[in-house]
């Protein structure tokens, strides 16, 4: 169960974050922004998804991006090593 927002120490979390994770987040945000520039603004209940995950050799190229619902994007079985998706999306 996630920690309630009132009990999270956001400053400590930010201080622990590695440069690699910061860059990965920037890349994801840039991919969404590029998709929105090309296709228009998306509602908040939609996610820009990578057809082939970056962790498996995918890229942020527009041809590797698609829009799916937030519910669908967050509903994968993530019981694999390191919380990775198990099975097909």
PDB file of N, CA and C in Angstrom:
ATOM      1  N   UNK A   1       0.847  -1.178   0.000  1.00  0.00           N
ATOM      2  CA  UNK A   1       0.000   0.000   0.000  1.00  0.00           C
ATOM      3  C   UNK A   1       0.892   1.240   0.000  1.00  0.00           C
ATOM      4  N   UNK A   2       0.587   2.223  -0.820  1.00  0.00           N
ATOM      5  CA  UNK A   2       1.422   3.427  -0.888  1.00  0.00           C
ATOM      6  C   UNK A   2       1.386   4.224   0.414  1.00  0.00           C
ATOM      7  N   UNK A   3       2.446   4.957   0.632  1.00  0.00           N
ATOM      8  CA  UNK A   3       2.507   5.839   1.793  1.00  0.00           C
ATOM      9  C   UNK A   3       1.589   7.032   1.565  1.00  0.00           C
ATOM     10  N   UNK A   4       0.780   7.400   2.565  1.00  0.00           N
ATOM     11  CA  UNK A   4      -0.064   8.592   2.403  1.00  0.00           C
ATOM     12  C   UNK A   4       0.801   9.821   2.119  1.00  0.00           C
ATOM     13  N   UNK A   5       0.306  10.696   1.275  1.00  0.00           N
ATOM     14  CA  UNK A   5       1.073  11.883   0.881  1.00  0.00           C
ATOM     15  C   UNK A   5       1.480  12.716   2.085  1.00  0.00           C
ATOM     16  N   UNK A   6       0.674  12.737   3.112  1.00  0.00           N
ATOM     17  CA  UNK A   6       0.980  13.552   4.287  1.00  0.00           C
ATOM     18  C   UNK A   6       2.198  13.043   5.043  1.00  0.00           C
ATOM     19  N   UNK A   7       2.592  11.764   4.830  1.00  0.00           N
ATOM     20  CA  UNK A   7       3.713  11.185   5.570  1.00  0.00           C
ATOM     21  C   UNK A   7       4.964  11.006   4.710  1.00  0.00           C
ATOM     22  N   UNK A   8       4.910  11.403   3.435  1.00  0.00           N
ATOM     23  CA  UNK A   8       6.068  11.244   2.565  1.00  0.00           C
ATOM     24  C   UNK A   8       7.035  12.402   2.733  1.00  0.00           C
ATOM     25  N   UNK A   9       8.294  12.102   2.698  1.00  0.00           N
ATOM     26  CA  UNK A   9       9.334  13.126   2.770  1.00  0.00           C
ATOM     27  C   UNK A   9       9.853  13.343   1.345  1.00  0.00           C
ATOM     28  N   UNK A  10       9.207  14.250   0.631  1.00  0.00           N
ATOM     29  CA  UNK A  10       9.530  14.473  -0.774  1.00  0.00           C
ATOM     30  C   UNK A  10      10.954  14.998  -0.961  1.00  0.00           C
ATOM     31  N   UNK A  11      11.431  15.807  -0.051  1.00  0.00           N
ATOM     32  CA  UNK A  11      12.799  16.328  -0.180  1.00  0.00           C
ATOM     33  C   UNK A  11      13.814  15.196  -0.069  1.00  0.00           C
ATOM     34  N   UNK A  12      13.595  14.277   0.856  1.00  0.00           N
ATOM     35  CA  UNK A  12      14.504  13.142   1.010  1.00  0.00           C
ATOM     36  C   UNK A  12      14.456  12.246  -0.214  1.00  0.00           C
ATOM     37  N   UNK A  13      13.262  12.038  -0.770  1.00  0.00           N
ATOM     38  CA  UNK A  13      13.134  11.227  -1.981  1.00  0.00           C
ATOM     39  C   UNK A  13      13.891  11.861  -3.140  1.00  0.00           C
ATOM     40  N   UNK A  14      13.757  13.165  -3.299  1.00  0.00           N
ATOM     41  CA  UNK A  14      14.438  13.864  -4.387  1.00  0.00           C
ATOM     42  C   UNK A  14      15.957  13.788  -4.218  1.00  0.00           C
ATOM     43  N   UNK A  15      16.434  13.867  -2.980  1.00  0.00           N
ATOM     44  CA  UNK A  15      17.871  13.815  -2.727  1.00  0.00           C
ATOM     45  C   UNK A  15      18.446  12.434  -3.045  1.00  0.00           C
ATOM     46  N   UNK A  16      17.649  11.376  -2.887  1.00  0.00           N
ATOM     47  CA  UNK A  16      18.115  10.009  -3.145  1.00  0.00           C
ATOM     48  C   UNK A  16      18.056   9.629  -4.619  1.00  0.00           C
ATOM     49  N   UNK A  17      17.307  10.367  -5.398  1.00  0.00           N
ATOM     50  CA  UNK A  17      17.093   9.982  -6.789  1.00  0.00           C
ATOM     51  C   UNK A  17      18.386  10.090  -7.590  1.00  0.00           C
ATOM     52  N   UNK A  18      18.674   9.068  -8.356  1.00  0.00           N
ATOM     53  CA  UNK A  18      19.906   9.045  -9.142  1.00  0.00           C
ATOM     54  C   UNK A  18      19.740   9.857 -10.431  1.00  0.00           C
ATOM     55  N   UNK A  19      20.862  10.220 -11.018  1.00  0.00           N
ATOM     56  CA  UNK A  19      20.830  10.963 -12.284  1.00  0.00           C
ATOM     57  C   UNK A  19      20.165  10.148 -13.388  1.00  0.00           C
ATOM     58  N   UNK A  20      20.380   8.848 -13.375  1.00  0.00           N
ATOM     59  CA  UNK A  20      19.771   7.995 -14.387  1.00  0.00           C
ATOM     60  C   UNK A  20      18.249   8.024 -14.322  1.00  0.00           C
ATOM     61  N   UNK A  21      17.704   7.985 -13.105  1.00  0.00           N
ATOM     62  CA  UNK A  21      16.242   8.035 -12.939  1.00  0.00           C
ATOM     63  C   UNK A  21      15.703   9.409 -13.320  1.00  0.00           C
ATOM     64  N   UNK A  22      16.441  10.455 -12.980  1.00  0.00           N
ATOM     65  CA  UNK A  22      16.012  11.802 -13.359  1.00  0.00           C
ATOM     66  C   UNK A  22      15.962  11.938 -14.872  1.00  0.00           C
ATOM     67  N   UNK A  23      16.985  11.412 -15.545  1.00  0.00           N
ATOM     68  CA  UNK A  23      17.035  11.484 -16.998  1.00  0.00           C
ATOM     69  C   UNK A  23      15.913  10.650 -17.613  1.00  0.00           C
ATOM     70  N   UNK A  24      15.625   9.492 -17.048  1.00  0.00           N
ATOM     71  CA  UNK A  24      14.546   8.647 -17.565  1.00  0.00           C
ATOM     72  C   UNK A  24      13.203   9.369 -17.443  1.00  0.00           C
ATOM     73  N   UNK A  25      12.978  10.053 -16.331  1.00  0.00           N
ATOM     74  CA  UNK A  25      11.729  10.799 -16.149  1.00  0.00           C
ATOM     75  C   UNK A  25      11.639  11.955 -17.147  1.00  0.00           C
ATOM     76  N   UNK A  26      12.768  12.658 -17.349  1.00  0.00           N
ATOM     77  CA  UNK A  26      12.782  13.741 -18.333  1.00  0.00           C
ATOM     78  C   UNK A  26      12.468  13.205 -19.728  1.00  0.00           C
ATOM     79  N   UNK A  27      13.044  12.045 -20.060  1.00  0.00           N
ATOM     80  CA  UNK A  27      12.802  11.445 -21.374  1.00  0.00           C
ATOM     81  C   UNK A  27      11.321  11.099 -21.546  1.00  0.00           C
ATOM     82  N   UNK A  28      10.695  10.547 -20.496  1.00  0.00           N
ATOM     83  CA  UNK A  28       9.272  10.205 -20.585  1.00  0.00           C
ATOM     84  C   UNK A  28       8.422  11.457 -20.743  1.00  0.00           C
ATOM     85  N   UNK A  29       8.748  12.494 -19.999  1.00  0.00           N
ATOM     86  CA  UNK A  29       7.991  13.747 -20.100  1.00  0.00           C
ATOM     87  C   UNK A  29       8.171  14.365 -21.486  1.00  0.00           C
ATOM     88  N   UNK A  30       9.385  14.331 -22.013  1.00  0.00           N
ATOM     89  CA  UNK A  30       9.640  14.864 -23.352  1.00  0.00           C
ATOM     90  C   UNK A  30       8.887  14.071 -24.414  1.00  0.00           C
ATOM     91  N   UNK A  31       8.796  12.750 -24.230  1.00  0.00           N
ATOM     92  CA  UNK A  31       8.059  11.927 -25.186  1.00  0.00           C
ATOM     93  C   UNK A  31       6.580  12.303 -25.178  1.00  0.00           C
ATOM     94  N   UNK A  32       5.996  12.490 -23.992  1.00  0.00           N
ATOM     95  CA  UNK A  32       4.581  12.876 -23.923  1.00  0.00           C
ATOM     96  C   UNK A  32       4.383  14.254 -24.551  1.00  0.00           C
ATOM     97  N   UNK A  33       5.276  15.192 -24.243  1.00  0.00           N
ATOM     98  CA  UNK A  33       5.147  16.544 -24.800  1.00  0.00           C
ATOM     99  C   UNK A  33       5.262  16.526 -26.324  1.00  0.00           C
ATOM    100  N   UNK A  34       6.176  15.728 -26.852  1.00  0.00           N
ATOM    101  CA  UNK A  34       6.331  15.633 -28.307  1.00  0.00           C
ATOM    102  C   UNK A  34       5.072  15.035 -28.927  1.00  0.00           C
ATOM    103  N   UNK A  35       4.516  14.014 -28.284  1.00  0.00           N
ATOM    104  CA  UNK A  35       3.284  13.401 -28.806  1.00  0.00           C
ATOM    105  C   UNK A  35       2.149  14.412 -28.792  1.00  0.00           C
ATOM    106  N   UNK A  36       2.041  15.189 -27.711  1.00  0.00           N
ATOM    107  CA  UNK A  36       0.970  16.190 -27.617  1.00  0.00           C
ATOM    108  C   UNK A  36       1.155  17.316 -28.631  1.00  0.00           C
ATOM    109  N   UNK A  37       2.392  17.703 -28.919  1.00  0.00           N
ATOM    110  CA  UNK A  37       2.619  18.733 -29.935  1.00  0.00           C
ATOM    111  C   UNK A  37       2.118  18.260 -31.295  1.00  0.00           C
ATOM    112  N   UNK A  38       2.318  16.984 -31.573  1.00  0.00           N
ATOM    113  CA  UNK A  38       1.934  16.440 -32.867  1.00  0.00           C
ATOM    114  C   UNK A  38       0.445  16.107 -32.957  1.00  0.00           C
ATOM    115  N   UNK A  39      -0.151  15.634 -31.853  1.00  0.00           N
ATOM    116  CA  UNK A  39      -1.527  15.135 -31.892  1.00  0.00           C
ATOM    117  C   UNK A  39      -2.515  15.945 -31.065  1.00  0.00           C
ATOM    118  N   UNK A  40      -2.073  16.988 -30.400  1.00  0.00           N
ATOM    119  CA  UNK A  40      -2.963  17.778 -29.551  1.00  0.00           C
ATOM    120  C   UNK A  40      -2.912  17.312 -28.100  1.00  0.00           C
ATOM    121  N   UNK A  41      -3.451  18.136 -27.219  1.00  0.00           N
ATOM    122  CA  UNK A  41      -3.425  17.834 -25.786  1.00  0.00           C
ATOM    123  C   UNK A  41      -4.225  16.581 -25.468  1.00  0.00           C
ATOM    124  N   UNK A  42      -3.739  15.840 -24.484  1.00  0.00           N
ATOM    125  CA  UNK A  42      -4.415  14.627 -24.038  1.00  0.00           C
ATOM    126  C   UNK A  42      -5.079  14.878 -22.693  1.00  0.00           C
ATOM    127  N   UNK A  43      -6.214  14.227 -22.437  1.00  0.00           N
ATOM    128  CA  UNK A  43      -6.816  14.344 -21.108  1.00  0.00           C
ATOM    129  C   UNK A  43      -5.920  13.662 -20.077  1.00  0.00           C
ATOM    130  N   UNK A  44      -6.098  14.000 -18.814  1.00  0.00           N
ATOM    131  CA  UNK A  44      -5.248  13.450 -17.762  1.00  0.00           C
ATOM    132  C   UNK A  44      -5.466  11.960 -17.538  1.00  0.00           C
ATOM    133  N   UNK A  45      -6.592  11.406 -18.018  1.00  0.00           N
ATOM    134  CA  UNK A  45      -6.822   9.975 -17.826  1.00  0.00           C
ATOM    135  C   UNK A  45      -6.227   9.141 -18.963  1.00  0.00           C
ATOM    136  N   UNK A  46      -5.405   9.744 -19.807  1.00  0.00           N
ATOM    137  CA  UNK A  46      -4.723   9.043 -20.895  1.00  0.00           C
ATOM    138  C   UNK A  46      -3.219   9.100 -20.669  1.00  0.00           C
ATOM    139  N   UNK A  47      -2.544   8.020 -20.995  1.00  0.00           N
ATOM    140  CA  UNK A  47      -1.094   7.941 -20.886  1.00  0.00           C
ATOM    141  C   UNK A  47      -0.489   7.707 -22.258  1.00  0.00           C
ATOM    142  N   UNK A  48       0.704   8.257 -22.470  1.00  0.00           N
ATOM    143  CA  UNK A  48       1.476   7.932 -23.662  1.00  0.00           C
ATOM    144  C   UNK A  48       2.325   6.728 -23.283  1.00  0.00           C
ATOM    145  N   UNK A  49       2.126   5.646 -24.004  1.00  0.00           N
ATOM    146  CA  UNK A  49       2.750   4.366 -23.696  1.00  0.00           C
ATOM    147  C   UNK A  49       3.776   4.030 -24.765  1.00  0.00           C
ATOM    148  N   UNK A  50       4.826   3.328 -24.378  1.00  0.00           N
ATOM    149  CA  UNK A  50       5.820   2.846 -25.328  1.00  0.00           C
ATOM    150  C   UNK A  50       5.397   1.452 -25.787  1.00  0.00           C
ATOM    151  N   UNK A  51       5.268   1.258 -27.093  1.00  0.00           N
ATOM    152  CA  UNK A  51       4.903  -0.057 -27.618  1.00  0.00           C
ATOM    153  C   UNK A  51       5.954  -1.086 -27.207  1.00  0.00           C
ATOM    154  N   UNK A  52       7.218  -0.733 -27.405  1.00  0.00           N
ATOM    155  CA  UNK A  52       8.322  -1.573 -26.946  1.00  0.00           C
ATOM    156  C   UNK A  52       8.983  -0.821 -25.789  1.00  0.00           C
ATOM    157  N   UNK A  53       8.931  -1.354 -24.575  1.00  0.00           N
ATOM    158  CA  UNK A  53       9.475  -0.637 -23.420  1.00  0.00           C
ATOM    159  C   UNK A  53      10.939  -0.250 -23.602  1.00  0.00           C
ATOM    160  N   UNK A  54      11.291   0.885 -23.069  1.00  0.00           N
ATOM    161  CA  UNK A  54      12.675   1.357 -23.152  1.00  0.00           C
ATOM    162  C   UNK A  54      13.613   0.355 -22.484  1.00  0.00           C
ATOM    163  N   UNK A  55      13.145  -0.285 -21.401  1.00  0.00           N
ATOM    164  CA  UNK A  55      13.976  -1.266 -20.700  1.00  0.00           C
ATOM    165  C   UNK A  55      14.282  -2.481 -21.567  1.00  0.00           C
ATOM    166  N   UNK A  56      13.510  -2.667 -22.643  1.00  0.00           N
ATOM    167  CA  UNK A  56      13.732  -3.800 -23.543  1.00  0.00           C
ATOM    168  C   UNK A  56      14.248  -3.337 -24.902  1.00  0.00           C
ATOM    169  N   UNK A  57      14.812  -2.139 -24.938  1.00  0.00           N
ATOM    170  CA  UNK A  57      15.441  -1.651 -26.156  1.00  0.00           C
ATOM    171  C   UNK A  57      14.587  -0.704 -26.980  1.00  0.00           C
ATOM    172  N   UNK A  58      13.421  -0.302 -26.471  1.00  0.00           N
ATOM    173  CA  UNK A  58      12.571   0.644 -27.186  1.00  0.00           C
ATOM    174  C   UNK A  58      13.152   2.054 -27.127  1.00  0.00           C
ATOM    175  N   UNK A  59      12.528   2.965 -27.876  1.00  0.00           N
ATOM    176  CA  UNK A  59      12.998   4.347 -27.910  1.00  0.00           C
ATOM    177  C   UNK A  59      11.831   5.295 -27.663  1.00  0.00           C
ATOM    178  N   UNK A  60      12.131   6.573 -27.605  1.00  0.00           N
ATOM    179  CA  UNK A  60      11.102   7.602 -27.483  1.00  0.00           C
ATOM    180  C   UNK A  60      10.684   8.130 -28.856  1.00  0.00           C
ATOM    181  N   UNK A  61      11.019   7.406 -29.913  1.00  0.00           N
ATOM    182  CA  UNK A  61      10.630   7.812 -31.263  1.00  0.00           C
ATOM    183  C   UNK A  61       9.109   7.799 -31.378  1.00  0.00           C
ATOM    184  N   UNK A  62       8.537   8.745 -32.128  1.00  0.00           N
ATOM    185  CA  UNK A  62       7.072   8.794 -32.276  1.00  0.00           C
ATOM    186  C   UNK A  62       6.460   7.482 -32.762  1.00  0.00           C
ATOM    187  N   UNK A  63       7.191   6.719 -33.548  1.00  0.00           N
ATOM    188  CA  UNK A  63       6.656   5.447 -34.042  1.00  0.00           C
ATOM    189  C   UNK A  63       6.527   4.399 -32.941  1.00  0.00           C
ATOM    190  N   UNK A  64       7.171   4.612 -31.795  1.00  0.00           N
ATOM    191  CA  UNK A  64       7.112   3.666 -30.682  1.00  0.00           C
ATOM    192  C   UNK A  64       6.130   4.130 -29.603  1.00  0.00           C
ATOM    193  N   UNK A  65       5.384   5.196 -29.848  1.00  0.00           N
ATOM    194  CA  UNK A  65       4.471   5.731 -28.849  1.00  0.00           C
ATOM    195  C   UNK A  65       3.023   5.497 -29.257  1.00  0.00           C
ATOM    196  N   UNK A  66       2.171   5.309 -28.257  1.00  0.00           N
ATOM    197  CA  UNK A  66       0.737   5.176 -28.478  1.00  0.00           C
ATOM    198  C   UNK A  66       0.012   5.713 -27.247  1.00  0.00           C
ATOM    199  N   UNK A  67      -1.257   6.035 -27.395  1.00  0.00           N
ATOM    200  CA  UNK A  67      -2.058   6.533 -26.289  1.00  0.00           C
ATOM    201  C   UNK A  67      -2.965   5.417 -25.805  1.00  0.00           C
ATOM    202  N   UNK A  68      -2.927   5.154 -24.499  1.00  0.00           N
ATOM    203  CA  UNK A  68      -3.842   4.191 -23.896  1.00  0.00           C
ATOM    204  C   UNK A  68      -4.403   4.810 -22.622  1.00  0.00           C
ATOM    205  N   UNK A  69      -5.456   4.207 -22.089  1.00  0.00           N
ATOM    206  CA  UNK A  69      -6.065   4.746 -20.881  1.00  0.00           C
ATOM    207  C   UNK A  69      -5.141   4.527 -19.686  1.00  0.00           C
ATOM    208  N   UNK A  70      -5.271   5.389 -18.702  1.00  0.00           N
ATOM    209  CA  UNK A  70      -4.467   5.280 -17.487  1.00  0.00           C
ATOM    210  C   UNK A  70      -4.718   3.927 -16.823  1.00  0.00           C
ATOM    211  N   UNK A  71      -5.985   3.517 -16.772  1.00  0.00           N
ATOM    212  CA  UNK A  71      -6.337   2.246 -16.137  1.00  0.00           C
ATOM    213  C   UNK A  71      -5.646   1.078 -16.828  1.00  0.00           C
ATOM    214  N   UNK A  72      -5.663   1.075 -18.148  1.00  0.00           N
ATOM    215  CA  UNK A  72      -5.026  -0.005 -18.899  1.00  0.00           C
ATOM    216  C   UNK A  72      -3.510   0.014 -18.703  1.00  0.00           C
ATOM    217  N   UNK A  73      -2.916   1.178 -18.669  1.00  0.00           N
ATOM    218  CA  UNK A  73      -1.464   1.291 -18.533  1.00  0.00           C
ATOM    219  C   UNK A  73      -0.987   0.865 -17.149  1.00  0.00           C
ATOM    220  N   UNK A  74      -1.802   1.050 -16.137  1.00  0.00           N
ATOM    221  CA  UNK A  74      -1.392   0.729 -14.771  1.00  0.00           C
ATOM    222  C   UNK A  74      -1.934  -0.608 -14.287  1.00  0.00           C
ATOM    223  N   UNK A  75      -2.538  -1.407 -15.172  1.00  0.00           N
ATOM    224  CA  UNK A  75      -3.169  -2.641 -14.734  1.00  0.00           C
ATOM    225  C   UNK A  75      -2.346  -3.889 -15.019  1.00  0.00           C
ATOM    226  N   UNK A  76      -1.105  -3.754 -15.463  1.00  0.00           N
ATOM    227  CA  UNK A  76      -0.286  -4.912 -15.758  1.00  0.00           C
ATOM    228  C   UNK A  76       0.091  -5.646 -14.475  1.00  0.00           C
ATOM    229  N   UNK A  77       0.281  -6.944 -14.589  1.00  0.00           N
ATOM    230  CA  UNK A  77       0.792  -7.735 -13.483  1.00  0.00           C
ATOM    231  C   UNK A  77       2.285  -7.447 -13.384  1.00  0.00           C
ATOM    232  N   UNK A  78       2.682  -6.758 -12.358  1.00  0.00           N
ATOM    233  CA  UNK A  78       4.085  -6.348 -12.204  1.00  0.00           C
ATOM    234  C   UNK A  78       4.760  -7.179 -11.116  1.00  0.00           C
ATOM    235  N   UNK A  79       4.602  -8.498 -11.206  1.00  0.00           N
ATOM    236  CA  UNK A  79       5.179  -9.395 -10.219  1.00  0.00           C
ATOM    237  C   UNK A  79       6.548  -9.918 -10.638  1.00  0.00           C
ATOM    238  N   UNK A  80       7.068  -9.444 -11.741  1.00  0.00           N
ATOM    239  CA  UNK A  80       8.369  -9.901 -12.224  1.00  0.00           C
ATOM    240  C   UNK A  80       9.504  -9.275 -11.424  1.00  0.00           C
ATOM    241  N   UNK A  81      10.742  -9.641 -11.730  1.00  0.00           N
ATOM    242  CA  UNK A  81      11.880  -9.073 -11.000  1.00  0.00           C
ATOM    243  C   UNK A  81      11.947  -7.560 -11.168  1.00  0.00           C
ATOM    244  N   UNK A  82      12.119  -6.872 -10.089  1.00  0.00           N
ATOM    245  CA  UNK A  82      12.200  -5.411 -10.119  1.00  0.00           C
ATOM    246  C   UNK A  82      10.881  -4.743 -10.439  1.00  0.00           C
ATOM    247  N   UNK A  83       9.770  -5.444 -10.242  1.00  0.00           N
ATOM    248  CA  UNK A  83       8.464  -4.877 -10.509  1.00  0.00           C
ATOM    249  C   UNK A  83       8.142  -4.783 -11.986  1.00  0.00           C
ATOM    250  N   UNK A  84       8.845  -5.538 -12.810  1.00  0.00           N
ATOM    251  CA  UNK A  84       8.611  -5.490 -14.258  1.00  0.00           C
ATOM    252  C   UNK A  84       7.348  -6.256 -14.616  1.00  0.00           C
ATOM    253  N   UNK A  85       6.789  -5.886 -15.737  1.00  0.00           N
ATOM    254  CA  UNK A  85       5.555  -6.501 -16.232  1.00  0.00           C
ATOM    255  C   UNK A  85       5.763  -7.982 -16.520  1.00  0.00           C
ATOM    256  N   UNK A  86       4.751  -8.777 -16.166  1.00  0.00           N
ATOM    257  CA  UNK A  86       4.771 -10.202 -16.457  1.00  0.00           C
ATOM    258  C   UNK A  86       3.724 -10.460 -17.522  1.00  0.00           C
ATOM    259  N   UNK A  87       4.081 -11.126 -18.592  1.00  0.00           N
ATOM    260  CA  UNK A  87       3.129 -11.452 -19.651  1.00  0.00           C
ATOM    261  C   UNK A  87       2.871 -10.286 -20.580  1.00  0.00           C
ATOM    262  N   UNK A  88       1.838 -10.457 -21.428  1.00  0.00           N
ATOM    263  CA  UNK A  88       1.474  -9.446 -22.415  1.00  0.00           C
ATOM    264  C   UNK A  88       0.649  -8.335 -21.798  1.00  0.00           C
ATOM    265  N   UNK A  89       0.702  -7.165 -22.410  1.00  0.00           N
ATOM    266  CA  UNK A  89      -0.094  -6.022 -21.963  1.00  0.00           C
ATOM    267  C   UNK A  89      -1.543  -6.242 -22.335  1.00  0.00           C
TER     268      UNK A  89
END
